[in-house]
C-alpha atoms as a PDB file:
ATOM      1  CA  MET A   1      11.388-232.553 -50.636  1.00  0.00           C
ATOM      2  CA  ASP A   2      14.888-231.928 -51.956  1.00  0.00           C
ATOM      3  CA  ASP A   3      15.387-229.462 -54.767  1.00  0.00           C
ATOM      4  CA  VAL A   4      16.405-231.175 -57.962  1.00  0.00           C
ATOM      5  CA  LEU A   5      18.811-229.196 -60.092  1.00  0.00           C
ATOM      6  CA  MET A   6      19.202-229.894 -63.770  1.00  0.00           C
ATOM      7  CA  TYR A   7      22.603-229.508 -65.342  1.00  0.00           C
ATOM      8  CA  LEU A   8      22.436-228.088 -68.864  1.00  0.00           C
ATOM      9  CA  ARG A   9      25.619-227.657 -70.822  1.00  0.00           C
ATOM     10  CA  PRO A  10      25.537-224.388 -72.789  1.00  0.00           C
ATOM     11  CA  GLY A  11      26.310-226.180 -76.071  1.00  0.00           C
ATOM     12  CA  ASN A  12      23.210-228.376 -75.780  1.00  0.00           C
ATOM     13  CA  LEU A  13      20.597-225.653 -75.949  1.00  0.00           C
ATOM     14  CA  PHE A  14      18.731-224.274 -78.967  1.00  0.00           C
ATOM     15  CA  LYS A  15      20.689-223.669 -82.146  1.00  0.00           C
ATOM     16  CA  GLU A  16      19.704-221.931 -85.385  1.00  0.00           C
ATOM     17  CA  PHE A  17      19.968-224.113 -88.476  1.00  0.00           C
ATOM     18  CA  LEU A  18      19.876-222.661 -91.982  1.00  0.00           C
ATOM     19  CA  VAL A  19      17.656-224.575 -94.424  1.00  0.00           C
ATOM     20  CA  LYS A  20      19.273-225.336 -97.776  1.00  0.00           C
ATOM     21  CA  ARG A  21      17.236-226.747-100.657  1.00  0.00           C
ATOM     22  CA  LYS A  22      18.512-228.694-103.672  1.00  0.00           C
ATOM     23  CA  GLU A  23      18.311-226.852-106.973  1.00  0.00           C
ATOM     24  CA  SER A  24      19.152-228.081-110.446  1.00  0.00           C
ATOM     25  CA  ASP A  25      20.349-225.944-113.323  1.00  0.00           C
ATOM     26  CA  ILE A  26      22.182-226.138-116.628  1.00  0.00           C
ATOM     27  CA  SER A  27      25.816-225.005-116.699  1.00  0.00           C
ATOM     28  CA  ASP A  28      27.290-222.640-119.283  1.00  0.00           C
ATOM     29  CA  ILE A  29      28.467-225.606-121.333  1.00  0.00           C
ATOM     30  CA  GLY A  30      25.075-227.333-121.249  1.00  0.00           C
ATOM     31  CA  LEU A  31      25.654-229.901-118.493  1.00  0.00           C
ATOM     32  CA  PRO A  32      23.142-230.436-115.691  1.00  0.00           C
ATOM     33  CA  VAL A  33      24.420-229.313-112.294  1.00  0.00           C
ATOM     34  CA  SER A  34      22.785-229.380-108.905  1.00  0.00           C
ATOM     35  CA  GLY A  35      23.621-228.071-105.471  1.00  0.00           C
ATOM     36  CA  TYR A  36      22.117-226.857-102.227  1.00  0.00           C
ATOM     37  CA  LYS A  37      21.167-223.173-102.081  1.00  0.00           C
ATOM     38  CA  ASP A  38      20.341-221.094 -99.010  1.00  0.00           C
ATOM     39  CA  THR A  39      16.606-220.482 -98.604  1.00  0.00           C
ATOM     40  CA  GLY A  40      16.883-217.876 -95.852  1.00  0.00           C
ATOM     41  CA  ILE A  41      14.642-220.051 -93.653  1.00  0.00           C
ATOM     42  CA  LEU A  42      15.887-220.708 -90.117  1.00  0.00           C
ATOM     43  CA  VAL A  43      14.986-223.666 -87.897  1.00  0.00           C
ATOM     44  CA  ASN A  44      15.468-223.136 -84.177  1.00  0.00           C
ATOM     45  CA  GLY A  45      15.980-226.541 -82.589  1.00  0.00           C
ATOM     46  CA  VAL A  46      17.847-228.862 -80.269  1.00  0.00           C
ATOM     47  CA  LEU A  47      20.359-231.247 -81.844  1.00  0.00           C
ATOM     48  CA  ALA A  48      20.815-234.734 -80.395  1.00  0.00           C
ATOM     49  CA  GLU A  49      22.441-237.941 -81.536  1.00  0.00           C
ATOM     50  CA  ALA A  50      19.875-240.529 -82.524  1.00  0.00           C
ATOM     51  CA  SER A  51      19.542-243.273 -79.960  1.00  0.00           C
ATOM     52  CA  THR A  52      19.078-246.944 -80.718  1.00  0.00           C
ATOM     53  CA  ASP A  53      15.432-246.509 -79.745  1.00  0.00           C
ATOM     54  CA  ASP A  54      14.992-243.720 -82.348  1.00  0.00           C
ATOM     55  CA  ARG A  55      16.529-245.968 -84.982  1.00  0.00           C
ATOM     56  CA  GLU A  56      14.194-248.827 -84.097  1.00  0.00           C
ATOM     57  CA  LYS A  57      11.092-246.599 -84.083  1.00  0.00           C
ATOM     58  CA  THR A  58      11.857-245.139 -87.514  1.00  0.00           C
ATOM     59  CA  LYS A  59      13.110-248.308 -89.219  1.00  0.00           C
ATOM     60  CA  HIS A  60       9.760-248.722 -91.034  1.00  0.00           C
ATOM     61  CA  MET A  61      10.249-245.378 -92.817  1.00  0.00           C
ATOM     62  CA  TRP A  62      13.063-246.821 -94.914  1.00  0.00           C
ATOM     63  CA  ASP A  63      11.886-250.456 -95.167  1.00  0.00           C
ATOM     64  CA  GLN A  64      15.322-251.724 -94.255  1.00  0.00           C
ATOM     65  CA  ASP A  65      17.080-252.921 -91.123  1.00  0.00           C
ATOM     66  CA  GLN A  66      20.024-250.554 -91.428  1.00  0.00           C
ATOM     67  CA  HIS A  67      19.739-246.923 -92.388  1.00  0.00           C
ATOM     68  CA  SER A  68      21.776-243.791 -91.960  1.00  0.00           C
ATOM     69  CA  LEU A  69      19.850-241.982 -89.206  1.00  0.00           C
ATOM     70  CA  THR A  70      22.483-240.279 -87.023  1.00  0.00           C
ATOM     71  CA  HIS A  71      20.747-237.288 -85.388  1.00  0.00           C
ATOM     72  CA  THR A  72      17.399-235.859 -84.404  1.00  0.00           C
ATOM     73  CA  ILE A  73      16.607-232.154 -84.345  1.00  0.00           C
ATOM     74  CA  VAL A  74      13.607-231.117 -82.261  1.00  0.00           C
ATOM     75  CA  SER A  75      11.993-227.777 -83.053  1.00  0.00           C
ATOM     76  CA  TRP A  76       9.139-226.080 -81.182  1.00  0.00           C
ATOM     77  CA  ALA A  77       7.454-224.904 -84.370  1.00  0.00           C
ATOM     78  CA  GLU A  78       5.621-226.234 -87.386  1.00  0.00           C
ATOM     79  CA  PRO A  79       7.695-228.004 -90.060  1.00  0.00           C
ATOM     80  CA  VAL A  80       9.370-225.512 -92.415  1.00  0.00           C
ATOM     81  CA  ALA A  81      11.932-227.813 -94.043  1.00  0.00           C
ATOM     82  CA  LYS A  82      11.152-230.752 -96.321  1.00  0.00           C
ATOM     83  CA  LYS A  83      12.528-234.240 -96.722  1.00  0.00           C
ATOM     84  CA  GLY A  84      15.716-233.948 -98.788  1.00  0.00           C
ATOM     85  CA  ASP A  85      16.586-230.465 -97.509  1.00  0.00           C
ATOM     86  CA  VAL A  86      19.807-229.834 -95.616  1.00  0.00           C
ATOM     87  CA  LEU A  87      19.993-228.143 -92.212  1.00  0.00           C
ATOM     88  CA  SER A  88      23.366-226.457 -91.812  1.00  0.00           C
ATOM     89  CA  LEU A  89      24.980-225.278 -88.606  1.00  0.00           C
ATOM     90  CA  GLY A  90      28.425-223.817 -89.165  1.00  0.00           C
ATOM     91  CA  ASN A  91      30.466-226.636 -90.707  1.00  0.00           C
ATOM     92  CA  TRP A  92      27.869-229.295 -89.860  1.00  0.00           C
ATOM     93  CA  TYR A  93      25.400-230.430 -92.501  1.00  0.00           C
ATOM     94  CA  PHE A  94      22.397-232.649 -91.803  1.00  0.00           C
ATOM     95  CA  LEU A  95      20.373-234.224 -94.634  1.00  0.00           C
ATOM     96  CA  ILE A  96      16.727-234.551 -93.595  1.00  0.00           C
ATOM     97  CA  LEU A  97      15.584-238.155 -93.980  1.00  0.00           C
ATOM     98  CA  ALA A  98      12.112-237.816 -92.447  1.00  0.00           C
ATOM     99  CA  ILE A  99       9.940-235.281 -90.644  1.00  0.00           C
ATOM    100  CA  ASP A 100       7.518-235.945 -87.807  1.00  0.00           C
ATOM    101  CA  ASP A 101       4.980-233.184 -87.156  1.00  0.00           C
ATOM    102  CA  THR A 102       4.382-234.372 -83.610  1.00  0.00           C
ATOM    103  CA  GLY A 103       0.680-234.672 -82.927  1.00  0.00           C
ATOM    104  CA  SER A 104      -0.084-233.076 -86.326  1.00  0.00           C
ATOM    105  CA  LEU A 105      -0.743-229.813 -84.517  1.00  0.00           C
ATOM    106  CA  GLY A 106       2.099-227.701 -85.934  1.00  0.00           C
ATOM    107  CA  VAL A 107       3.458-227.163 -82.422  1.00  0.00           C
ATOM    108  CA  ALA A 108       6.580-229.322 -82.439  1.00  0.00           C
ATOM    109  CA  THR A 109       8.587-231.043 -85.163  1.00  0.00           C
ATOM    110  CA  ILE A 110      11.171-233.804 -85.083  1.00  0.00           C
ATOM    111  CA  TYR A 111      13.591-233.829 -88.004  1.00  0.00           C
ATOM    112  CA  TYR A 112      15.335-237.185 -88.483  1.00  0.00           C
ATOM    113  CA  ALA A 113      18.661-236.484 -90.142  1.00  0.00           C
ATOM    114  CA  GLU A 114      21.945-237.906 -91.334  1.00  0.00           C
ATOM    115  CA  GLU A 115      25.151-235.948 -90.708  1.00  0.00           C
ATOM    116  CA  ARG A 116      26.940-235.455 -94.024  1.00  0.00           C
ATOM    117  CA  ASN A 117      30.321-234.004 -94.967  1.00  0.00           C
ATOM    118  CA  ASP A 118      29.815-233.954 -98.743  1.00  0.00           C
ATOM    119  CA  LEU A 119      26.981-231.409 -99.030  1.00  0.00           C
ATOM    120  CA  ARG A 120      28.834-228.124 -98.749  1.00  0.00           C
END
């Protein structure tokens, strides 16, 4: 049997994402302000663009035909981020739309996310 070699590009391996959580506060002049603050929690995962199949499988989560799912992040750990959190990687920001604790065993997690440029 022939040996099968897998080609892995170095940029497609595990990456560390910083979890940011939305916090609301009152400014010095009494106006409500909100923003995403670092939690210190890291998610080690593999980033991939969402395929058409991923979009079809998760369409029921939003109850609409079109939604903003752009990426999936697969982590080999239990879920530590929540829906609405942001996973940041350098200058990339991903808003978590849904979380799938695969098999409900806390062994692997799929984060369904939307890439955003306005959440810095």
